[in-house]
């Protein structure tokens, strides 16, 4: 019954309930300890007297909290960025092999040496019922750090959502660049054969391409790609261009199976969800083909990432536990520094609970300040890490604070506030006379 009620709640209500559940125990403790007392003036005096030590403790707490929430926010942002990168790839069909390798090659443009699909296989894919777009991909060349990818115009429109500055290519000597490619419309360039340090910059000296369009930013590795007609890639490598000689300079489908040089992968946009599943079943490891949903392969990668996340979360939890122990030890040391003042309060008739309220409130202020500061530092750290990961992977990662990070901070604060009652009670064990002589 309660489980049904819980699952019927909106996600926001569930998140609020979990956060408040973590904060209820220290709130109850505060109500018990502080009931009838006003320890504020003494707490402010303690904060002012031990400014240096207080600042160190707050900074230590803030760094610990920031580490934990920064890691969880970054991992979630990376997952979201990778899912966005694969969003335009409904179905990928390739020669049998590793689905992960093909995912990295097609979605994330990682260089891979894979087998090719021949013209007959591509023709079957393109003519299959439910296929909206069947886009062959051709890799192998580059310009600077930008890979040159051969494909068809319909895929460029699909990938960019139709947002292209300038225009699509009209001849095999034109190209469309991604948003992050340092080429302007009208620039001419010569592609190099291969990628990276092994690229041969003299292999295509006579093949000049002109930039005619620029895609809007997609937040994917394709932002740094140069897209050209697939016929261009075939022709510069001395291969047939997929069309009969009497078709002239025709670009795009349909292709002649007998003159189709081959493609490592075909990106298929299906007419609907049912069609996508039917096409995957039709081409999954049958007649020399392999078909997969990039999202399905990503889920396997997420499972591995989940294991890594658990390990990282454990490390963050251990770090926070050590920091909490250090803070509590530090509070114990600080309470001994004003043991004489506590003894004087007791000698003047102050209730024991009042002394506990002063010491516990002092520790609570440090813990709360460090936790709030840690949330701010964690947000900043996640933003910096996001920019670094985006620059390294070309996957747009936007990591911000969410309810998991807020709940992690609330849990840390709750546990440490409850534990900080120990130093407050410990000082009462010291005899008043001994405290006055300190």
Protein backbone atom coordinates (compact mmCIF):
# COMPACT_ATOMS: atom_id res chain seq x y z
CA UNK A 1 0.00 0.00 0.00
CA UNK A 2 2.73 2.46 1.03
CA UNK A 3 4.86 1.38 -1.92
CA UNK A 4 2.01 2.13 -4.32
CA UNK A 5 1.49 5.53 -2.72
CA UNK A 6 5.21 6.28 -3.05
CA UNK A 7 5.39 5.35 -6.72
CA UNK A 8 2.28 7.42 -7.44
CA UNK A 9 4.07 10.55 -6.27
CA UNK A 10 5.65 12.84 -8.91
CA UNK A 11 9.46 12.61 -9.17
CA UNK A 12 9.86 16.07 -7.64
CA UNK A 13 7.81 15.08 -4.60
CA UNK A 14 9.89 11.91 -4.18
CA UNK A 15 13.15 13.87 -4.35
CA UNK A 16 11.89 16.41 -1.84
CA UNK A 17 10.73 13.64 0.48
CA UNK A 18 14.11 11.87 0.39
CA UNK A 19 15.97 15.12 1.05
CA UNK A 20 13.72 16.05 3.95
CA UNK A 21 14.01 12.53 5.37
CA UNK A 22 17.77 13.01 5.65
CA UNK A 23 17.33 16.38 7.39
CA UNK A 24 14.64 15.32 9.86
CA UNK A 25 16.97 13.51 12.38
CA UNK A 26 19.31 16.50 12.92
CA UNK A 27 16.29 18.81 13.07
CA UNK A 28 14.79 16.67 15.84
CA UNK A 29 18.15 16.63 17.64
CA UNK A 30 18.38 20.43 17.37
CA UNK A 31 14.90 20.82 18.82
CA UNK A 32 15.82 18.63 21.79
CA UNK A 33 19.23 20.17 22.47
CA UNK A 34 18.28 23.82 21.94
CA UNK A 35 14.83 23.80 23.53
CA UNK A 36 14.56 26.75 25.90
CA UNK A 37 18.11 28.02 25.28
CA UNK A 38 19.69 30.77 23.16
CA UNK A 39 23.37 29.85 22.71
CA UNK A 40 23.85 32.23 19.78
CA UNK A 41 26.01 34.91 21.50
CA UNK A 42 28.45 32.33 22.90
CA UNK A 43 28.63 30.50 19.54
CA UNK A 44 29.46 33.77 17.76
CA UNK A 45 32.20 34.42 20.31
CA UNK A 46 33.71 30.98 19.70
CA UNK A 47 33.57 31.49 15.94
CA UNK A 48 35.34 34.82 16.26
CA UNK A 49 38.02 33.60 18.65
CA UNK A 50 39.10 30.59 16.56
CA UNK A 51 38.82 32.15 13.08
CA UNK A 52 41.80 30.35 11.56
CA UNK A 53 40.86 26.88 12.77
CA UNK A 54 37.23 27.46 11.83
CA UNK A 55 38.19 28.47 8.28
CA UNK A 56 40.33 25.34 7.87
CA UNK A 57 37.53 23.07 9.06
CA UNK A 58 34.98 24.72 6.77
CA UNK A 59 37.34 24.43 3.80
CA UNK A 60 38.04 20.78 4.59
CA UNK A 61 34.33 19.98 4.75
CA UNK A 62 33.62 21.94 1.56
CA UNK A 63 36.31 20.11 -0.42
CA UNK A 64 35.02 16.74 0.73
CA UNK A 65 31.44 17.55 -0.24
CA UNK A 66 32.54 19.05 -3.56
CA UNK A 67 34.47 15.91 -4.49
CA UNK A 68 31.48 13.68 -3.93
CA UNK A 69 28.86 15.75 -5.72
CA UNK A 70 31.27 16.72 -8.51
CA UNK A 71 31.91 13.08 -9.41
CA UNK A 72 28.24 12.08 -9.43
CA UNK A 73 27.19 15.15 -11.42
CA UNK A 74 29.95 14.58 -13.99
CA UNK A 75 29.04 10.93 -14.52
CA UNK A 76 25.38 11.80 -15.04
CA UNK A 77 26.29 14.59 -17.45
CA UNK A 78 28.51 12.26 -19.46
CA UNK A 79 25.70 9.73 -19.79
CA UNK A 80 23.31 12.40 -20.98
CA UNK A 81 25.87 13.71 -23.49
CA UNK A 82 26.55 10.26 -24.92
CA UNK A 83 22.83 9.58 -25.26
CA UNK A 84 22.40 12.88 -27.12
CA UNK A 85 25.28 11.97 -29.44
CA UNK A 86 23.53 8.73 -30.42
CA UNK A 87 20.07 10.27 -30.69
CA UNK A 88 20.20 10.77 -34.49
CA UNK A 89 21.36 7.21 -35.12
CA UNK A 90 18.23 5.08 -35.12
CA UNK A 91 19.84 1.91 -36.44
CA UNK A 92 23.33 1.02 -37.64
CA UNK A 93 23.93 -1.83 -40.09
CA UNK A 94 27.46 -3.05 -40.74
CA UNK A 95 29.46 -6.17 -41.51
CA UNK A 96 29.53 -8.70 -38.64
CA UNK A 97 31.92 -7.73 -35.88
CA UNK A 98 32.02 -5.80 -32.63
CA UNK A 99 28.98 -3.63 -31.98
CA UNK A 100 31.00 -1.48 -29.60
CA UNK A 101 33.68 -0.88 -32.24
CA UNK A 102 31.06 0.13 -34.78
CA UNK A 103 29.32 2.37 -32.24
CA UNK A 104 32.59 4.19 -31.59
CA UNK A 105 33.29 4.45 -35.31
CA UNK A 106 29.88 5.70 -36.45
CA UNK A 107 28.60 7.76 -33.53
CA UNK A 108 31.86 8.95 -31.98
CA UNK A 109 34.03 8.93 -35.13
CA UNK A 110 36.83 6.86 -33.64
CA UNK A 111 39.14 5.45 -36.35
CA UNK A 112 38.60 1.71 -36.76
CA UNK A 113 39.70 -0.94 -39.24
CA UNK A 114 36.51 -2.85 -40.04
CA UNK A 115 35.08 -4.94 -42.86
CA UNK A 116 32.94 -3.34 -45.59
CA UNK A 117 29.41 -4.01 -46.75
CA UNK A 118 29.24 -4.63 -50.49
CA UNK A 119 26.82 -3.16 -53.00
CA UNK A 120 24.36 -6.05 -52.80
CA UNK A 121 24.08 -5.70 -49.00
CA UNK A 122 23.58 -1.94 -49.22
CA UNK A 123 20.95 -2.39 -51.92
CA UNK A 124 19.01 -4.80 -49.68
CA UNK A 125 19.15 -2.29 -46.83
CA UNK A 126 18.13 0.70 -48.94
CA UNK A 127 15.21 -1.16 -50.52
CA UNK A 128 13.90 -2.71 -47.29
CA UNK A 129 10.40 -1.75 -46.23
CA UNK A 130 10.34 0.97 -43.57
CA UNK A 131 13.71 2.54 -44.46
CA UNK A 132 13.46 6.32 -44.61
CA UNK A 133 17.17 7.09 -45.03
CA UNK A 134 19.97 4.61 -45.69
CA UNK A 135 23.18 6.62 -45.40
CA UNK A 136 26.48 4.93 -46.26
CA UNK A 137 29.53 6.24 -44.43
CA UNK A 138 33.08 6.36 -45.78
CA UNK A 139 36.08 7.18 -43.60
CA UNK A 140 39.81 7.36 -44.07
CA UNK A 141 40.75 10.99 -44.79
CA UNK A 142 41.17 14.07 -42.63
CA UNK A 143 42.05 17.75 -42.60
CA UNK A 144 44.04 18.76 -39.57
CA UNK A 145 42.29 17.13 -36.63
CA UNK A 146 38.93 16.96 -38.44
CA UNK A 147 37.95 13.60 -39.96
CA UNK A 148 36.53 13.70 -43.47
CA UNK A 149 33.41 11.55 -43.71
CA UNK A 150 31.65 10.66 -46.93
CA UNK A 151 27.88 10.28 -46.79
CA UNK A 152 24.70 11.49 -48.51
CA UNK A 153 23.01 14.89 -48.33
CA UNK A 154 19.87 13.52 -46.64
CA UNK A 155 21.95 12.32 -43.68
CA UNK A 156 23.57 15.75 -43.29
CA UNK A 157 20.11 17.33 -43.15
CA UNK A 158 18.95 14.69 -40.66
CA UNK A 159 22.05 15.08 -38.48
CA UNK A 160 21.86 18.88 -38.36
CA UNK A 161 18.08 19.03 -38.07
CA UNK A 162 18.07 21.09 -41.26
CA UNK A 163 20.04 23.91 -39.61
CA UNK A 164 22.82 24.59 -42.10
CA UNK A 165 24.47 27.93 -42.73
CA UNK A 166 25.13 28.29 -46.45
CA UNK A 167 24.05 25.27 -48.49
CA UNK A 168 24.59 21.57 -49.03
CA UNK A 169 27.04 20.38 -51.65
CA UNK A 170 26.05 20.24 -55.28
CA UNK A 171 29.19 18.67 -56.75
CA UNK A 172 31.76 16.15 -55.59
CA UNK A 173 34.23 19.01 -54.97
CA UNK A 174 32.21 20.64 -52.18
CA UNK A 175 31.88 19.98 -48.47
CA UNK A 176 29.84 20.85 -45.39
CA UNK A 177 31.72 21.32 -42.12
CA UNK A 178 30.72 20.80 -38.52
CA UNK A 179 30.31 23.72 -36.15
CA UNK A 180 33.72 23.18 -34.52
CA UNK A 181 35.77 22.89 -37.72
CA UNK A 182 38.05 25.95 -38.21
CA UNK A 183 37.04 26.48 -41.84
CA UNK A 184 34.77 29.20 -43.18
CA UNK A 185 32.29 29.03 -46.02
CA UNK A 186 34.24 29.59 -49.22
CA UNK A 187 37.52 28.16 -47.89
CA UNK A 188 39.31 25.56 -50.00
CA UNK A 189 41.30 22.67 -48.56
CA UNK A 190 42.97 19.43 -49.59
CA UNK A 191 42.21 16.33 -47.50
CA UNK A 192 45.03 14.15 -46.20
CA UNK A 193 44.97 10.38 -46.51
CA UNK A 194 44.58 8.84 -43.06
CA UNK A 195 44.26 10.54 -39.70
CA UNK A 196 46.58 11.76 -36.99
CA UNK A 197 50.36 11.61 -37.23
CA UNK A 198 50.21 8.83 -39.84
CA UNK A 199 48.23 10.97 -42.29
CA UNK A 200 49.75 11.38 -45.77
CA UNK A 201 49.30 15.04 -46.73
CA UNK A 202 50.56 14.56 -50.28
CA UNK A 203 48.28 11.71 -51.32
CA UNK A 204 45.45 13.94 -52.58
CA UNK A 205 47.35 17.02 -53.80
CA UNK A 206 45.12 17.42 -56.83
CA UNK A 207 41.84 17.02 -54.96
CA UNK A 208 40.65 20.38 -53.67
CA UNK A 209 37.36 20.82 -51.85
CA UNK A 210 35.39 24.00 -51.20
CA UNK A 211 33.30 24.59 -48.08
CA UNK A 212 29.73 25.50 -49.01
CA UNK A 213 27.93 25.04 -45.70
CA UNK A 214 28.31 24.78 -41.94
CA UNK A 215 26.08 22.68 -39.70
CA UNK A 216 24.66 24.12 -36.50
CA UNK A 217 26.24 22.76 -33.32
CA UNK A 218 24.94 19.32 -32.41
CA UNK A 219 26.96 18.70 -29.23
CA UNK A 220 28.39 15.53 -30.76
CA UNK A 221 31.75 14.47 -32.26
CA UNK A 222 30.25 15.28 -35.66
CA UNK A 223 30.75 18.97 -34.82
CA UNK A 224 34.43 18.50 -35.69
CA UNK A 225 33.80 16.46 -38.86
CA UNK A 226 33.96 17.51 -42.50
CA UNK A 227 31.16 15.91 -44.49
CA UNK A 228 31.53 15.34 -48.21
CA UNK A 229 29.62 13.31 -50.81
CA UNK A 230 30.43 9.64 -50.36
CA UNK A 231 31.31 9.60 -54.07
CA UNK A 232 34.14 12.04 -53.31
CA UNK A 233 35.84 9.67 -50.86
CA UNK A 234 35.54 6.79 -53.28
CA UNK A 235 36.83 8.74 -56.26
CA UNK A 236 39.91 10.24 -54.56
CA UNK A 237 40.97 6.70 -53.66
CA UNK A 238 40.67 5.52 -57.25
CA UNK A 239 37.43 3.59 -56.75
CA UNK A 240 34.15 3.59 -58.63
CA UNK A 241 31.68 6.22 -57.48
CA UNK A 242 28.66 3.94 -57.18
CA UNK A 243 26.95 5.13 -60.39
CA UNK A 244 26.91 4.10 -64.03
CA UNK A 245 29.09 6.15 -66.38
CA UNK A 246 26.04 7.45 -68.24
CA UNK A 247 24.73 9.09 -65.04
CA UNK A 248 27.44 11.77 -65.19
CA UNK A 249 28.22 13.50 -61.88
CA UNK A 250 25.19 12.18 -60.05
CA UNK A 251 25.41 12.36 -56.25
CA UNK A 252 23.52 10.27 -53.73
CA UNK A 253 21.16 7.30 -54.05
CA UNK A 254 20.20 5.16 -55.74
CA UNK A 255 23.55 3.42 -56.14
CA UNK A 256 24.45 0.73 -58.64
CA UNK A 257 25.29 -2.41 -56.62
CA UNK A 258 27.86 -3.49 -59.20
CA UNK A 259 29.75 -0.17 -58.89
CA UNK A 260 29.34 0.29 -55.14
CA UNK A 261 32.88 0.17 -53.63
CA UNK A 262 31.69 -0.70 -50.12
CA UNK A 263 30.92 1.04 -46.85
CA UNK A 264 31.87 0.21 -43.26
CA UNK A 265 28.44 1.17 -41.94
CA UNK A 266 24.98 2.27 -43.00
CA UNK A 267 23.01 4.60 -40.75
CA UNK A 268 19.32 3.84 -41.13
CA UNK A 269 16.51 6.17 -40.21
CA UNK A 270 13.38 4.06 -39.93
CA UNK A 271 9.85 5.25 -40.67
CA UNK A 272 8.76 4.29 -37.15
CA UNK A 273 9.63 2.34 -34.04
CA UNK A 274 8.04 -0.87 -35.26
CA UNK A 275 9.88 -0.58 -38.56
CA UNK A 276 13.18 -0.06 -36.71
CA UNK A 277 12.74 -3.28 -34.72
CA UNK A 278 11.71 -5.17 -37.83
CA UNK A 279 14.77 -3.92 -39.71
CA UNK A 280 17.08 -4.83 -36.86
CA UNK A 281 15.67 -8.35 -36.82
CA UNK A 282 16.03 -8.61 -40.60
CA UNK A 283 19.67 -7.53 -40.75
CA UNK A 284 20.96 -8.75 -37.39
CA UNK A 285 23.80 -11.13 -38.17
CA UNK A 286 22.24 -12.48 -41.33
CA UNK A 287 23.62 -12.68 -44.86
CA UNK A 288 26.83 -10.86 -43.98
CA UNK A 289 25.25 -8.04 -41.98
CA UNK A 290 24.97 -6.95 -38.36
CA UNK A 291 22.36 -4.48 -37.11
CA UNK A 292 22.10 -2.82 -33.72
CA UNK A 293 20.53 0.08 -31.91
CA UNK A 294 23.27 2.44 -30.64
CA UNK A 295 21.16 3.05 -27.55
CA UNK A 296 21.24 -0.66 -26.70
CA UNK A 297 25.02 -0.77 -26.97
CA UNK A 298 25.27 2.39 -24.90
CA UNK A 299 23.22 0.72 -22.17
CA UNK A 300 25.92 -1.96 -21.94
CA UNK A 301 28.52 0.78 -21.70
CA UNK A 302 26.42 2.46 -19.01
CA UNK A 303 26.47 -0.78 -17.06
CA UNK A 304 30.26 -0.69 -17.04
CA UNK A 305 30.15 3.00 -16.20
CA UNK A 306 27.75 2.16 -13.40
CA UNK A 307 30.35 -0.14 -11.88
CA UNK A 308 32.92 2.63 -12.18
CA UNK A 309 30.46 5.07 -10.66
CA UNK A 310 29.91 2.77 -7.69
CA UNK A 311 33.66 2.55 -7.17
CA UNK A 312 34.01 6.32 -7.43
CA UNK A 313 31.06 6.85 -5.10
CA UNK A 314 32.63 4.46 -2.60
CA UNK A 315 35.88 6.40 -2.79
CA UNK A 316 33.99 9.66 -2.27
CA UNK A 317 32.07 8.15 0.67
CA UNK A 318 35.29 6.93 2.28
CA UNK A 319 36.83 10.35 1.73
CA UNK A 320 33.84 12.06 3.31
CA UNK A 321 33.90 9.62 6.24
CA UNK A 322 37.57 10.38 6.85
CA UNK A 323 36.92 14.10 6.61
CA UNK A 324 33.96 13.81 8.98
CA UNK A 325 36.14 11.89 11.45
CA UNK A 326 38.85 14.54 11.16
CA UNK A 327 36.31 17.31 11.70
CA UNK A 328 34.86 15.60 14.75
CA UNK A 329 38.37 15.08 16.12
CA UNK A 330 39.09 18.73 15.47
CA UNK A 331 35.91 19.74 17.25
CA UNK A 332 37.00 17.63 20.19
CA UNK A 333 40.33 19.43 20.27
CA UNK A 334 38.69 22.85 20.00
CA UNK A 335 36.30 22.07 22.83
CA UNK A 336 39.30 21.36 25.05
CA UNK A 337 40.64 24.81 24.22
CA UNK A 338 37.63 26.40 25.88
CA UNK A 339 37.20 23.74 28.54
CA UNK A 340 37.81 26.44 31.16
CA UNK A 341 34.95 28.55 29.81
CA UNK A 342 32.67 25.52 29.82
CA UNK A 343 33.67 24.75 33.39
CA UNK A 344 32.96 28.34 34.42
CA UNK A 345 29.49 28.09 32.86
CA UNK A 346 28.84 24.95 34.85
CA UNK A 347 30.25 26.53 38.04
CA UNK A 348 27.92 29.50 37.56
CA UNK A 349 25.00 27.12 37.44
CA UNK A 350 24.46 26.75 33.71
CA UNK A 351 22.53 23.55 32.97
CA UNK A 352 24.55 20.75 31.44
CA UNK A 353 22.26 20.77 28.42
CA UNK A 354 23.07 24.45 27.83
CA UNK A 355 26.78 23.64 27.64
CA UNK A 356 25.97 20.83 25.21
CA UNK A 357 23.80 23.23 23.17
CA UNK A 358 26.66 25.75 22.87
CA UNK A 359 29.24 23.19 21.77
CA UNK A 360 26.90 21.34 19.43
CA UNK A 361 25.65 24.57 17.84
CA UNK A 362 29.25 25.65 17.28
CA UNK A 363 30.01 22.41 15.41
CA UNK A 364 26.70 22.57 13.52
CA UNK A 365 27.53 26.03 12.16
CA UNK A 366 30.88 24.79 10.85
CA UNK A 367 29.34 21.69 9.28
CA UNK A 368 26.45 23.56 7.67
CA UNK A 369 28.72 26.28 6.30
CA UNK A 370 31.13 23.72 4.86
CA UNK A 371 28.31 21.72 3.26
CA UNK A 372 26.73 24.76 1.60
CA UNK A 373 30.13 25.95 0.39
CA UNK A 374 30.82 22.43 -0.87
CA UNK A 375 27.67 22.52 -3.00
CA UNK A 376 28.92 25.70 -4.67
CA UNK A 377 32.43 24.32 -5.16
CA UNK A 378 31.01 21.06 -6.51
CA UNK A 379 28.96 22.92 -9.07
CA UNK A 380 32.00 24.87 -10.18
CA UNK A 381 34.18 21.74 -10.30
CA UNK A 382 31.56 19.90 -12.36
CA UNK A 383 31.43 22.80 -14.83
CA UNK A 384 35.22 22.83 -15.23
CA UNK A 385 35.37 19.05 -15.63
CA UNK A 386 32.55 19.21 -18.18
CA UNK A 387 34.53 21.62 -20.35
CA UNK A 388 37.60 19.39 -20.14
CA UNK A 389 35.66 16.22 -21.01
CA UNK A 390 33.86 18.02 -23.86
CA UNK A 391 37.17 19.22 -25.30
CA UNK A 392 38.71 15.75 -25.06
CA UNK A 393 35.77 13.69 -26.36
CA UNK A 394 33.80 16.20 -28.50
CA UNK A 395 30.70 15.04 -26.62
CA UNK A 396 28.84 17.97 -25.11
CA UNK A 397 28.78 17.32 -21.37
CA UNK A 398 26.69 19.66 -19.23
CA UNK A 399 26.95 18.64 -15.61
CA UNK A 400 24.90 20.59 -13.13
CA UNK A 401 23.70 19.94 -9.62
CA UNK A 402 20.63 17.75 -9.38
CA UNK A 403 18.67 16.08 -6.64
CA UNK A 404 21.19 13.22 -6.25
CA UNK A 405 23.90 15.75 -5.35
CA UNK A 406 21.61 17.66 -2.99
CA UNK A 407 20.63 14.41 -1.27
CA UNK A 408 24.29 13.38 -0.97
CA UNK A 409 25.09 16.68 0.72
CA UNK A 410 22.03 16.35 2.98
CA UNK A 411 23.09 12.83 4.00
CA UNK A 412 26.62 14.01 4.82
CA UNK A 413 25.30 16.92 6.86
CA UNK A 414 22.79 14.75 8.72
CA UNK A 415 25.32 12.10 9.73
CA UNK A 416 27.97 14.59 10.82
CA UNK A 417 25.49 16.70 12.79
CA UNK A 418 24.37 13.65 14.72
CA UNK A 419 27.97 12.57 15.30
CA UNK A 420 29.02 16.06 16.45
CA UNK A 421 26.99 15.46 19.61
CA UNK A 422 29.83 13.21 20.81
CA UNK A 423 32.41 16.04 21.41
CA UNK A 424 29.68 18.08 23.10
CA UNK A 425 28.92 15.27 25.54
CA UNK A 426 32.59 14.44 26.04
CA UNK A 427 33.36 17.80 27.64
CA UNK A 428 30.79 17.16 30.37
CA UNK A 429 32.84 14.19 31.58
CA UNK A 430 35.57 16.53 32.78
CA UNK A 431 35.19 17.61 36.43
CA UNK A 432 34.40 21.28 36.95
CA UNK A 433 37.39 21.80 39.22
CA UNK A 434 39.79 20.33 36.68
CA UNK A 435 38.28 22.54 34.00
CA UNK A 436 38.75 25.67 36.08
CA UNK A 437 42.43 24.83 36.64
CA UNK A 438 43.01 24.31 32.86
